[in-house]
Amino acid sequence: MNASATLQPAVVGPSVEDRHWLSSDHCATPVLELLHALDWTVVDTPEANVHATSPDGLVHVGWLPEDPAAWMRDIVWRVQVQPTESGTWVQEFGTDTPAEAVAGFVAALVAHSPH
């Protein structure tokens, strides 16, 4: 049975021009704005790195553009979670990961937080 093309649902999505965020511009703004909006403690270091801690102290986000150890491993974002009921785990993002993707990860991570 063939369905008419007019009966098929239209695929709607962002145009290619709207996908500029798929490439990193090496800007931390989307993540930092999210962390500030969530009332995290955000500290800038003299080396231009940024460290943020969740209000409950269980999640740490590091923006590490000037950390030689991070650059040697090709990372610029480090998210560390210290659950109270299990061991610490870490997710790192490379230098080409868009900040919007990191912000989405952090937003999903804290979406169901009781705090």
C-alpha atoms as a PDB file:
ATOM      1  CA  MET A   1       0.000   0.000   0.000  1.00  0.00           C
ATOM      2  CA  ASN A   2       1.416   3.348  -1.025  1.00  0.00           C
ATOM      3  CA  ALA A   3       0.584   6.452   0.917  1.00  0.00           C
ATOM      4  CA  SER A   4       0.295   9.705  -0.889  1.00  0.00           C
ATOM      5  CA  ALA A   5       3.097  12.171  -0.258  1.00  0.00           C
ATOM      6  CA  THR A   6       0.475  14.650   0.901  1.00  0.00           C
ATOM      7  CA  LEU A   7      -0.536  12.291   3.721  1.00  0.00           C
ATOM      8  CA  GLN A   8       2.991  11.955   5.089  1.00  0.00           C
ATOM      9  CA  PRO A   9       3.884  14.097   8.099  1.00  0.00           C
ATOM     10  CA  ALA A  10       6.180  16.979   7.317  1.00  0.00           C
ATOM     11  CA  VAL A  11       9.624  16.822   8.850  1.00  0.00           C
ATOM     12  CA  VAL A  12      10.230  20.099  10.601  1.00  0.00           C
ATOM     13  CA  GLY A  13      13.573  21.004  12.043  1.00  0.00           C
ATOM     14  CA  PRO A  14      15.992  23.864  12.310  1.00  0.00           C
ATOM     15  CA  SER A  15      17.576  24.981   9.105  1.00  0.00           C
ATOM     16  CA  VAL A  16      21.265  24.423   8.541  1.00  0.00           C
ATOM     17  CA  GLU A  17      21.857  28.107   9.230  1.00  0.00           C
ATOM     18  CA  ASP A  18      20.369  27.670  12.733  1.00  0.00           C
ATOM     19  CA  ARG A  19      22.901  24.983  13.625  1.00  0.00           C
ATOM     20  CA  HIS A  20      25.869  27.298  14.132  1.00  0.00           C
ATOM     21  CA  TRP A  21      26.127  26.053  17.715  1.00  0.00           C
ATOM     22  CA  LEU A  22      27.227  22.609  16.499  1.00  0.00           C
ATOM     23  CA  SER A  23      30.730  24.035  16.187  1.00  0.00           C
ATOM     24  CA  SER A  24      32.571  25.401  19.161  1.00  0.00           C
ATOM     25  CA  ASP A  25      33.415  29.078  19.314  1.00  0.00           C
ATOM     26  CA  HIS A  26      35.483  28.357  22.457  1.00  0.00           C
ATOM     27  CA  CYS A  27      33.214  30.599  24.517  1.00  0.00           C
ATOM     28  CA  ALA A  28      32.042  29.573  27.997  1.00  0.00           C
ATOM     29  CA  THR A  29      29.096  31.990  28.156  1.00  0.00           C
ATOM     30  CA  PRO A  30      26.182  29.494  27.808  1.00  0.00           C
ATOM     31  CA  VAL A  31      27.507  27.337  30.660  1.00  0.00           C
ATOM     32  CA  LEU A  32      28.480  30.224  32.915  1.00  0.00           C
ATOM     33  CA  GLU A  33      25.109  31.931  32.442  1.00  0.00           C
ATOM     34  CA  LEU A  34      23.383  28.673  33.396  1.00  0.00           C
ATOM     35  CA  LEU A  35      25.535  28.206  36.496  1.00  0.00           C
ATOM     36  CA  HIS A  36      24.917  31.780  37.641  1.00  0.00           C
ATOM     37  CA  ALA A  37      21.162  31.325  37.061  1.00  0.00           C
ATOM     38  CA  LEU A  38      21.282  28.176  39.205  1.00  0.00           C
ATOM     39  CA  ASP A  39      22.978  30.163  42.015  1.00  0.00           C
ATOM     40  CA  TRP A  40      26.166  28.107  41.920  1.00  0.00           C
ATOM     41  CA  THR A  41      29.313  29.479  43.493  1.00  0.00           C
ATOM     42  CA  VAL A  42      31.479  30.591  40.565  1.00  0.00           C
ATOM     43  CA  VAL A  43      35.142  31.518  41.026  1.00  0.00           C
ATOM     44  CA  ASP A  44      37.540  32.875  38.405  1.00  0.00           C
ATOM     45  CA  THR A  45      41.209  32.029  38.842  1.00  0.00           C
ATOM     46  CA  PRO A  46      44.058  34.433  38.014  1.00  0.00           C
ATOM     47  CA  GLU A  47      44.947  32.063  35.144  1.00  0.00           C
ATOM     48  CA  ALA A  48      41.497  32.671  33.535  1.00  0.00           C
ATOM     49  CA  ASN A  49      40.047  29.285  34.461  1.00  0.00           C
ATOM     50  CA  VAL A  50      36.612  29.117  36.079  1.00  0.00           C
ATOM     51  CA  HIS A  51      35.412  26.725  38.779  1.00  0.00           C
ATOM     52  CA  ALA A  52      31.799  26.378  39.862  1.00  0.00           C
ATOM     53  CA  THR A  53      30.205  24.363  42.654  1.00  0.00           C
ATOM     54  CA  SER A  54      26.547  23.474  43.051  1.00  0.00           C
ATOM     55  CA  PRO A  55      24.717  24.783  46.132  1.00  0.00           C
ATOM     56  CA  ASP A  56      24.760  21.287  47.694  1.00  0.00           C
ATOM     57  CA  GLY A  57      28.488  20.931  46.982  1.00  0.00           C
ATOM     58  CA  LEU A  58      28.059  17.647  45.102  1.00  0.00           C
ATOM     59  CA  VAL A  59      28.775  18.879  41.559  1.00  0.00           C
ATOM     60  CA  HIS A  60      31.782  20.802  40.303  1.00  0.00           C
ATOM     61  CA  VAL A  61      32.189  22.273  36.820  1.00  0.00           C
ATOM     62  CA  GLY A  62      35.553  23.488  35.599  1.00  0.00           C
ATOM     63  CA  TRP A  63      36.183  25.639  32.523  1.00  0.00           C
ATOM     64  CA  LEU A  64      39.892  25.089  31.962  1.00  0.00           C
ATOM     65  CA  PRO A  65      41.092  27.091  28.943  1.00  0.00           C
ATOM     66  CA  GLU A  66      44.441  27.856  30.575  1.00  0.00           C
ATOM     67  CA  ASP A  67      45.091  24.591  32.418  1.00  0.00           C
ATOM     68  CA  PRO A  68      48.139  22.892  30.834  1.00  0.00           C
ATOM     69  CA  ALA A  69      47.181  19.461  32.202  1.00  0.00           C
ATOM     70  CA  ALA A  70      43.711  19.745  30.658  1.00  0.00           C
ATOM     71  CA  TRP A  71      45.096  20.895  27.307  1.00  0.00           C
ATOM     72  CA  MET A  72      47.548  17.988  27.241  1.00  0.00           C
ATOM     73  CA  ARG A  73      44.488  15.713  27.402  1.00  0.00           C
ATOM     74  CA  ASP A  74      42.560  17.875  24.883  1.00  0.00           C
ATOM     75  CA  ILE A  75      39.828  18.848  27.336  1.00  0.00           C
ATOM     76  CA  VAL A  76      38.496  22.216  28.357  1.00  0.00           C
ATOM     77  CA  TRP A  77      35.431  21.258  30.431  1.00  0.00           C
ATOM     78  CA  ARG A  78      35.424  18.946  33.447  1.00  0.00           C
ATOM     79  CA  VAL A  79      32.260  18.007  35.335  1.00  0.00           C
ATOM     80  CA  GLN A  80      32.764  16.070  38.570  1.00  0.00           C
ATOM     81  CA  VAL A  81      29.893  14.573  40.548  1.00  0.00           C
ATOM     82  CA  GLN A  82      30.266  13.311  44.113  1.00  0.00           C
ATOM     83  CA  PRO A  83      27.055  11.418  44.911  1.00  0.00           C
ATOM     84  CA  THR A  84      26.454  10.800  48.582  1.00  0.00           C
ATOM     85  CA  GLU A  85      25.528   7.153  47.976  1.00  0.00           C
ATOM     86  CA  SER A  86      28.250   6.073  45.516  1.00  0.00           C
ATOM     87  CA  GLY A  87      31.666   6.904  44.121  1.00  0.00           C
ATOM     88  CA  THR A  88      32.726  10.070  42.345  1.00  0.00           C
ATOM     89  CA  TRP A  89      32.431  10.164  38.573  1.00  0.00           C
ATOM     90  CA  VAL A  90      33.733  12.610  35.983  1.00  0.00           C
ATOM     91  CA  GLN A  91      32.687  13.696  32.498  1.00  0.00           C
ATOM     92  CA  GLU A  92      35.142  15.712  30.420  1.00  0.00           C
ATOM     93  CA  PHE A  93      34.522  17.579  27.171  1.00  0.00           C
ATOM     94  CA  GLY A  94      37.087  18.341  24.500  1.00  0.00           C
ATOM     95  CA  THR A  95      38.176  21.669  23.151  1.00  0.00           C
ATOM     96  CA  ASP A  96      35.829  21.411  20.172  1.00  0.00           C
ATOM     97  CA  THR A  97      32.703  20.602  22.198  1.00  0.00           C
ATOM     98  CA  PRO A  98      30.229  23.489  21.919  1.00  0.00           C
ATOM     99  CA  ALA A  99      29.463  25.208  25.214  1.00  0.00           C
ATOM    100  CA  GLU A 100      25.764  24.817  24.395  1.00  0.00           C
ATOM    101  CA  ALA A 101      26.217  21.031  24.509  1.00  0.00           C
ATOM    102  CA  VAL A 102      27.996  21.254  27.866  1.00  0.00           C
ATOM    103  CA  ALA A 103      25.242  23.538  29.176  1.00  0.00           C
ATOM    104  CA  GLY A 104      22.653  21.001  28.027  1.00  0.00           C
ATOM    105  CA  PHE A 105      24.543  18.232  29.825  1.00  0.00           C
ATOM    106  CA  VAL A 106      24.737  20.240  33.051  1.00  0.00           C
ATOM    107  CA  ALA A 107      21.064  21.264  32.792  1.00  0.00           C
ATOM    108  CA  ALA A 108      20.030  17.615  32.360  1.00  0.00           C
ATOM    109  CA  LEU A 109      22.286  16.598  35.226  1.00  0.00           C
ATOM    110  CA  VAL A 110      20.644  18.955  37.702  1.00  0.00           C
ATOM    111  CA  ALA A 111      17.095  18.878  36.270  1.00  0.00           C
ATOM    112  CA  HIS A 112      15.802  16.486  38.906  1.00  0.00           C
ATOM    113  CA  SER A 113      17.914  17.706  41.785  1.00  0.00           C
ATOM    114  CA  PRO A 114      15.912  18.212  44.991  1.00  0.00           C
ATOM    115  CA  HIS A 115      17.891  21.426  45.649  1.00  0.00           C
END
